[in-house]
N, C-alpha and C. Protein backbone atom coordinates (compact mmCIF):
# COMPACT_ATOMS: atom_id res chain seq x y z
N MET A 1 -32.89 -14.55 29.64
CA MET A 1 -31.68 -14.62 30.48
C MET A 1 -31.32 -13.45 31.15
N LYS A 2 -31.56 -13.61 32.82
CA LYS A 2 -31.61 -12.59 33.73
C LYS A 2 -30.10 -12.39 33.99
N LYS A 3 -30.17 -10.89 34.08
CA LYS A 3 -28.63 -10.34 34.13
C LYS A 3 -28.23 -10.50 35.86
N ASP A 4 -27.06 -10.37 36.14
CA ASP A 4 -26.68 -10.45 37.67
C ASP A 4 -25.92 -9.24 37.80
N LEU A 5 -26.73 -8.31 38.40
CA LEU A 5 -26.42 -6.94 38.55
C LEU A 5 -25.25 -6.98 39.44
N ASN A 6 -25.25 -7.52 40.37
CA ASN A 6 -24.01 -7.72 41.72
C ASN A 6 -22.69 -8.32 40.91
N TYR A 7 -22.97 -9.01 39.88
CA TYR A 7 -21.92 -9.25 39.63
C TYR A 7 -21.09 -8.16 38.33
N ILE A 8 -22.13 -7.73 37.66
CA ILE A 8 -21.80 -6.40 37.02
C ILE A 8 -21.38 -5.63 37.69
N ALA A 9 -21.67 -5.27 38.58
CA ALA A 9 -21.14 -3.75 39.80
C ALA A 9 -19.67 -4.43 39.94
N LYS A 10 -19.47 -5.96 40.27
CA LYS A 10 -18.12 -6.19 41.32
C LYS A 10 -17.31 -6.30 39.91
N LEU A 11 -17.65 -6.28 38.73
CA LEU A 11 -16.91 -6.38 37.72
C LEU A 11 -16.22 -4.99 37.31
N GLU A 12 -17.28 -4.05 37.14
CA GLU A 12 -17.25 -2.44 36.90
C GLU A 12 -15.82 -2.06 37.87
N ARG A 13 -16.41 -2.58 39.34
CA ARG A 13 -15.35 -1.83 40.60
C ARG A 13 -14.16 -2.40 40.49
N ALA A 14 -13.76 -4.03 40.19
CA ALA A 14 -13.04 -4.35 39.41
C ALA A 14 -11.49 -3.76 38.11
N ILE A 15 -12.58 -3.32 37.48
CA ILE A 15 -12.02 -2.87 36.00
C ILE A 15 -11.53 -1.33 36.66
N SER A 16 -12.10 -0.99 37.20
CA SER A 16 -12.00 0.65 37.78
C SER A 16 -10.82 0.92 38.45
N LYS A 17 -10.82 -0.45 39.74
CA LYS A 17 -9.73 -0.41 40.18
C LYS A 17 -8.29 -0.41 39.56
N LYS A 18 -8.48 -1.51 38.97
CA LYS A 18 -7.44 -1.72 37.97
C LYS A 18 -6.69 -1.01 36.99
N TYR A 19 -8.00 -0.13 36.41
CA TYR A 19 -7.44 0.62 35.26
C TYR A 19 -8.12 2.14 35.16
N GLY A 20 -8.61 2.72 36.23
CA GLY A 20 -8.95 3.79 36.52
C GLY A 20 -10.45 4.00 35.99
N GLU A 21 -11.16 5.36 36.59
CA GLU A 21 -12.40 5.48 36.16
C GLU A 21 -12.90 5.34 34.58
N GLU A 22 -12.02 6.20 34.04
CA GLU A 22 -11.97 6.36 32.34
C GLU A 22 -12.27 4.83 31.67
N ALA A 23 -12.11 3.87 32.84
CA ALA A 23 -12.05 2.57 31.52
C ALA A 23 -13.86 2.17 32.06
N ILE A 24 -14.37 2.63 32.52
CA ILE A 24 -15.71 1.79 32.63
C ILE A 24 -16.79 3.44 32.19
N GLN A 25 -16.32 4.19 31.97
CA GLN A 25 -16.89 5.16 31.66
C GLN A 25 -17.76 4.88 29.81
N ASN A 26 -18.90 5.60 29.98
CA ASN A 26 -19.59 5.47 28.42
C ASN A 26 -19.07 6.48 27.58
N PRO A 27 -18.16 6.02 26.43
CA PRO A 27 -17.58 7.31 25.63
C PRO A 27 -18.28 8.29 25.07
N LYS A 28 -19.52 7.73 24.98
CA LYS A 28 -20.61 8.77 24.90
C LYS A 28 -20.51 10.24 25.62
N SER A 29 -20.13 9.69 26.93
CA SER A 29 -20.47 10.66 27.65
C SER A 29 -19.59 11.92 27.95
N THR A 30 -18.61 11.67 27.10
CA THR A 30 -17.84 12.99 26.97
C THR A 30 -17.29 12.81 25.85
N TRP A 31 -18.20 12.93 24.64
CA TRP A 31 -18.36 13.29 23.08
C TRP A 31 -19.26 14.24 23.28
N ASP A 32 -18.63 15.39 22.15
CA ASP A 32 -19.10 16.38 22.20
C ASP A 32 -19.29 16.82 20.31
N PRO A 33 -20.30 17.87 19.95
CA PRO A 33 -20.25 18.21 18.71
C PRO A 33 -18.80 18.53 17.96
N GLU A 34 -18.02 19.33 19.11
CA GLU A 34 -16.72 19.89 18.84
C GLU A 34 -15.75 18.60 18.29
N LYS A 35 -16.00 17.39 19.30
CA LYS A 35 -15.11 16.66 19.02
C LYS A 35 -15.67 15.59 18.00
N GLU A 36 -16.96 15.66 17.28
CA GLU A 36 -17.14 14.85 16.23
C GLU A 36 -16.57 15.69 14.95
N LYS A 37 -16.82 17.05 15.12
CA LYS A 37 -16.23 17.77 14.25
C LYS A 37 -14.43 17.65 13.99
N GLU A 38 -13.63 17.35 14.85
CA GLU A 38 -12.56 17.12 14.79
C GLU A 38 -11.79 15.83 14.13
N TYR A 39 -12.94 14.78 14.90
CA TYR A 39 -12.70 13.56 14.41
C TYR A 39 -13.26 13.59 12.57
N LEU A 40 -14.45 14.33 12.15
CA LEU A 40 -14.27 13.66 10.74
C LEU A 40 -13.39 14.76 10.15
N ARG A 41 -12.57 15.93 10.50
CA ARG A 41 -11.68 16.65 9.94
C ARG A 41 -10.26 15.65 9.65
N GLN A 42 -10.13 14.93 11.13
CA GLN A 42 -9.03 13.91 10.83
C GLN A 42 -9.31 12.85 9.82
N LEU A 43 -10.15 12.29 9.63
CA LEU A 43 -10.89 11.44 8.86
C LEU A 43 -10.70 11.78 7.27
N LYS A 44 -11.17 12.73 6.89
CA LYS A 44 -10.93 13.49 5.59
C LYS A 44 -9.93 13.54 5.20
N GLU A 45 -8.67 14.27 6.79
CA GLU A 45 -7.24 14.36 5.86
C GLU A 45 -6.51 12.87 5.83
N LEU A 46 -6.91 12.11 7.01
CA LEU A 46 -6.34 10.91 6.48
C LEU A 46 -6.84 10.08 5.13
N GLU A 47 -7.89 9.81 4.48
CA GLU A 47 -8.39 9.77 3.16
C GLU A 47 -7.50 10.52 2.15
N ARG A 48 -7.50 12.12 2.34
CA ARG A 48 -6.54 12.58 1.62
C ARG A 48 -5.18 11.94 1.39
N ALA A 49 -4.62 11.71 2.75
CA ALA A 49 -2.97 11.18 2.65
C ALA A 49 -2.97 9.81 1.87
N ARG A 50 -4.01 9.10 1.88
CA ARG A 50 -4.11 7.51 1.69
C ARG A 50 -3.90 8.03 0.15
N LYS A 51 -4.84 8.95 -0.75
CA LYS A 51 -4.98 8.86 -1.91
C LYS A 51 -3.59 9.66 -2.79
N SER A 52 -2.97 10.22 -2.21
CA SER A 52 -1.84 11.09 -2.51
C SER A 52 -0.75 9.90 -2.38
N VAL A 53 -0.67 8.87 -1.76
CA VAL A 53 0.23 7.94 -1.61
C VAL A 53 -0.01 7.21 -3.06
N GLU A 54 -1.09 6.86 -3.19
CA GLU A 54 -1.80 5.73 -4.29
C GLU A 54 -1.36 6.41 -5.56
N SER A 55 -1.57 7.64 -5.73
CA SER A 55 -0.81 8.30 -6.95
C SER A 55 0.35 9.06 -7.26
N GLU A 56 1.06 9.03 -6.15
CA GLU A 56 2.52 9.62 -6.26
C GLU A 56 3.04 8.55 -7.08
N LYS A 57 4.00 9.57 -7.75
CA LYS A 57 4.73 9.19 -8.89
C LYS A 57 6.26 9.09 -8.36
N VAL A 58 7.08 8.00 -8.78
CA VAL A 58 8.48 8.26 -8.49
C VAL A 58 9.39 7.80 -9.68
N GLU A 59 10.42 8.37 -10.09
CA GLU A 59 11.09 8.28 -11.05
C GLU A 59 12.68 7.78 -10.86
N ILE A 60 12.36 6.64 -11.46
CA ILE A 60 13.31 5.43 -11.65
C ILE A 60 14.25 5.35 -12.87
N GLN A 61 15.36 5.13 -12.70
CA GLN A 61 16.38 5.25 -14.15
C GLN A 61 15.82 5.77 -15.23
N GLY A 62 15.17 7.03 -15.03
CA GLY A 62 14.63 7.89 -16.09
C GLY A 62 13.22 7.64 -16.47
N PHE A 63 12.17 6.71 -15.89
CA PHE A 63 11.05 6.56 -15.86
C PHE A 63 9.93 7.10 -14.90
N LEU A 64 8.81 7.55 -14.83
CA LEU A 64 8.03 7.74 -14.15
C LEU A 64 7.22 6.78 -13.97
N THR A 65 7.05 6.39 -12.75
CA THR A 65 5.68 5.12 -12.43
C THR A 65 5.25 5.52 -11.10
N LYS A 66 3.94 4.88 -11.04
CA LYS A 66 3.23 5.08 -10.13
C LYS A 66 3.73 3.94 -8.86
N LYS A 67 4.13 4.82 -7.53
CA LYS A 67 5.11 4.31 -6.19
C LYS A 67 4.33 3.08 -5.92
N LYS A 68 2.58 2.80 -6.36
CA LYS A 68 2.07 1.44 -5.22
C LYS A 68 2.17 0.38 -6.53
N LEU A 69 2.75 0.61 -8.11
CA LEU A 69 3.42 -0.28 -8.97
C LEU A 69 4.54 -1.20 -8.46
N LEU A 70 5.23 0.01 -7.40
CA LEU A 70 6.52 -0.90 -7.42
C LEU A 70 6.53 -1.80 -5.95
N ASN A 71 5.98 -2.85 -6.93
CA ASN A 71 6.14 -3.62 -4.90
C ASN A 71 6.58 -5.39 -5.44
N ARG A 72 6.66 -6.16 -4.61
CA ARG A 72 7.41 -7.13 -4.41
C ARG A 72 6.67 -8.49 -5.16
N GLU A 73 5.35 -7.76 -5.72
CA GLU A 73 4.72 -9.23 -6.45
C GLU A 73 4.70 -9.00 -8.00
N THR A 74 5.28 -8.03 -8.51
CA THR A 74 5.50 -8.17 -9.89
C THR A 74 6.25 -9.57 -10.71
N ASP A 75 5.82 -9.92 -11.68
CA ASP A 75 6.41 -11.00 -12.45
C ASP A 75 8.13 -10.79 -12.40
N ARG A 76 8.66 -11.45 -12.04
CA ARG A 76 10.02 -11.69 -11.80
C ARG A 76 10.69 -12.70 -13.04
N ILE A 77 9.75 -13.50 -13.91
CA ILE A 77 10.57 -13.87 -15.02
C ILE A 77 10.38 -13.02 -16.36
N CYS A 78 11.68 -12.68 -17.11
CA CYS A 78 11.89 -11.93 -18.09
C CYS A 78 11.48 -12.64 -19.72
N ASN A 79 10.33 -12.12 -20.03
CA ASN A 79 9.94 -13.06 -21.29
C ASN A 79 10.69 -13.16 -22.18
N THR A 80 11.47 -12.23 -22.40
CA THR A 80 12.63 -12.44 -23.65
C THR A 80 13.46 -13.37 -23.40
N CYS A 81 14.46 -13.47 -22.28
CA CYS A 81 15.62 -14.27 -21.78
C CYS A 81 14.82 -15.83 -21.05
N SER A 82 13.87 -15.28 -20.46
CA SER A 82 13.22 -16.32 -19.68
C SER A 82 14.32 -16.39 -18.13
N THR A 83 14.97 -15.67 -17.79
CA THR A 83 15.90 -15.68 -16.53
C THR A 83 14.72 -15.11 -15.63
N TYR A 84 15.20 -15.34 -14.37
CA TYR A 84 14.13 -15.04 -13.06
C TYR A 84 15.26 -13.64 -12.24
N SER A 85 14.61 -12.84 -12.12
CA SER A 85 15.48 -11.52 -11.38
C SER A 85 15.32 -11.25 -9.89
N PHE A 86 15.91 -11.27 -9.62
CA PHE A 86 15.45 -10.48 -7.60
C PHE A 86 15.97 -9.30 -7.73
N ASP A 87 16.64 -8.46 -9.02
CA ASP A 87 17.58 -7.14 -8.85
C ASP A 87 15.91 -6.18 -9.34
N LEU A 88 16.11 -5.21 -8.17
CA LEU A 88 15.03 -4.20 -8.01
C LEU A 88 15.10 -3.38 -9.47
N LYS A 89 16.15 -2.99 -10.33
CA LYS A 89 15.98 -2.06 -11.15
C LYS A 89 15.35 -2.65 -12.12
N ASP A 90 15.14 -4.06 -12.12
CA ASP A 90 14.72 -5.17 -13.84
C ASP A 90 12.94 -4.43 -13.04
N ASP A 91 12.64 -4.19 -11.98
CA ASP A 91 10.94 -3.83 -11.94
C ASP A 91 10.43 -2.89 -12.93
N ILE A 92 11.25 -2.05 -13.28
CA ILE A 92 10.66 -1.23 -14.39
C ILE A 92 10.89 -1.35 -15.46
N TYR A 93 11.57 -2.00 -15.83
CA TYR A 93 11.35 -2.80 -17.16
C TYR A 93 10.88 -3.75 -17.29
N MET A 94 10.39 -4.42 -16.54
CA MET A 94 9.13 -5.36 -16.33
C MET A 94 8.17 -5.39 -16.60
N ILE A 95 7.65 -4.10 -15.44
CA ILE A 95 6.41 -3.21 -15.81
C ILE A 95 6.32 -3.05 -17.26
N LYS A 96 7.15 -2.04 -18.04
CA LYS A 96 6.82 -1.32 -19.17
C LYS A 96 7.29 -2.27 -20.56
N TYR A 97 8.29 -2.92 -19.92
CA TYR A 97 8.65 -3.39 -21.54
C TYR A 97 8.56 -5.30 -21.64
N ASP A 98 8.16 -5.68 -20.41
CA ASP A 98 8.12 -7.22 -19.96
C ASP A 98 9.55 -7.99 -20.47
N ALA A 99 10.41 -6.84 -20.13
CA ALA A 99 11.75 -7.48 -20.20
C ALA A 99 12.59 -7.03 -19.03
N CYS A 100 13.61 -8.02 -18.69
CA CYS A 100 14.80 -7.42 -17.52
C CYS A 100 15.53 -6.23 -18.43
N PHE A 101 16.48 -5.87 -17.53
CA PHE A 101 17.47 -4.42 -17.63
C PHE A 101 18.55 -5.00 -18.79
N LYS A 102 18.96 -6.46 -18.52
CA LYS A 102 20.16 -7.10 -19.35
C LYS A 102 19.04 -6.84 -20.88
N CYS A 103 17.94 -7.27 -21.21
CA CYS A 103 17.31 -7.29 -22.37
C CYS A 103 17.51 -6.29 -22.95
N TYR A 104 16.84 -5.54 -22.00
CA TYR A 104 16.46 -4.07 -22.68
C TYR A 104 17.48 -3.01 -23.15
N VAL A 105 18.98 -3.31 -22.74
CA VAL A 105 19.96 -2.80 -22.98
C VAL A 105 20.30 -3.54 -24.36
N GLN A 106 20.04 -4.75 -24.59
CA GLN A 106 20.60 -5.71 -25.62
C GLN A 106 19.53 -5.49 -26.61
N HIS A 107 18.50 -5.33 -26.62
CA HIS A 107 17.44 -5.39 -27.38
C HIS A 107 16.21 -3.89 -27.68
N ILE A 108 16.31 -3.44 -26.66
CA ILE A 108 15.06 -2.46 -26.95
C ILE A 108 15.80 -1.19 -26.98
N GLU A 109 16.79 -0.89 -26.00
CA GLU A 109 17.27 0.82 -25.89
C GLU A 109 17.73 1.15 -27.33
N ASN A 110 16.97 2.68 -27.57
CA ASN A 110 16.78 3.58 -28.52
C ASN A 110 16.39 2.52 -29.60
N ARG A 111 15.62 1.69 -29.58
CA ARG A 111 14.93 1.01 -30.51
C ARG A 111 13.13 0.99 -30.21
N GLU A 112 12.91 1.67 -29.09
CA GLU A 112 11.84 1.26 -28.61
C GLU A 112 10.48 1.46 -29.34
N GLU A 113 10.65 2.00 -30.45
CA GLU A 113 9.23 2.03 -31.21
C GLU A 113 9.03 0.68 -32.16
N ARG A 114 10.34 0.29 -32.39
CA ARG A 114 10.51 -1.29 -33.01
C ARG A 114 9.60 -2.47 -31.72
N TRP A 115 10.30 -2.31 -30.87
CA TRP A 115 9.69 -2.93 -29.67
C TRP A 115 8.26 -2.90 -29.12
N GLU A 116 7.61 -1.40 -29.60
CA GLU A 116 6.32 -1.33 -29.38
C GLU A 116 5.56 -1.72 -30.51
N SER A 117 6.16 -1.91 -31.70
CA SER A 117 5.26 -2.43 -32.59
C SER A 117 5.17 -4.11 -32.53
N GLY A 118 5.68 -4.44 -31.79
CA GLY A 118 6.01 -6.13 -31.66
C GLY A 118 7.23 -6.87 -32.02
N TRP A 119 8.04 -6.43 -32.41
CA TRP A 119 9.26 -6.99 -32.64
C TRP A 119 9.23 -7.62 -31.39
N ARG A 120 10.48 -9.07 -31.58
CA ARG A 120 10.96 -9.86 -30.45
C ARG A 120 12.15 -10.29 -31.26
N PRO A 121 13.00 -10.45 -30.39
CA PRO A 121 14.49 -11.62 -30.90
C PRO A 121 14.03 -12.81 -30.87
N ASP A 122 14.44 -13.66 -31.89
CA ASP A 122 14.32 -14.80 -32.57
C ASP A 122 14.95 -15.73 -30.69
N ASN A 123 14.03 -16.96 -29.87
CA ASN A 123 14.43 -17.28 -29.12
C ASN A 123 15.63 -18.50 -29.74
N GLU A 124 17.01 -18.42 -29.04
CA GLU A 124 18.04 -18.96 -29.47
C GLU A 124 18.21 -20.32 -28.27
């Protein structure tokens, strides 16, 4: 396929006229080792910030949990009472105990060891 150099030149002129000379310059023409160092530094800083957000912990009603675990995609059905919960405070109890806040207060609070050992209330 033969390139139409006249068409390419017209196209470059039109782009230059509309968007300015910088729009048709080769990006490498203004790139130097100093800009490369700055770019790599910014890239490392961005990666560090991303990792710190992933490992950031928050306290919710006395529990420390990773912030990334608190999302809208958690299981919303309590395994103890089978109710569907929209309440955000239930998230931490669903993650830690597979139970909503109401079931936590009724069956688990002050009896965590029994719950952790496998005890569950009878389904009535």
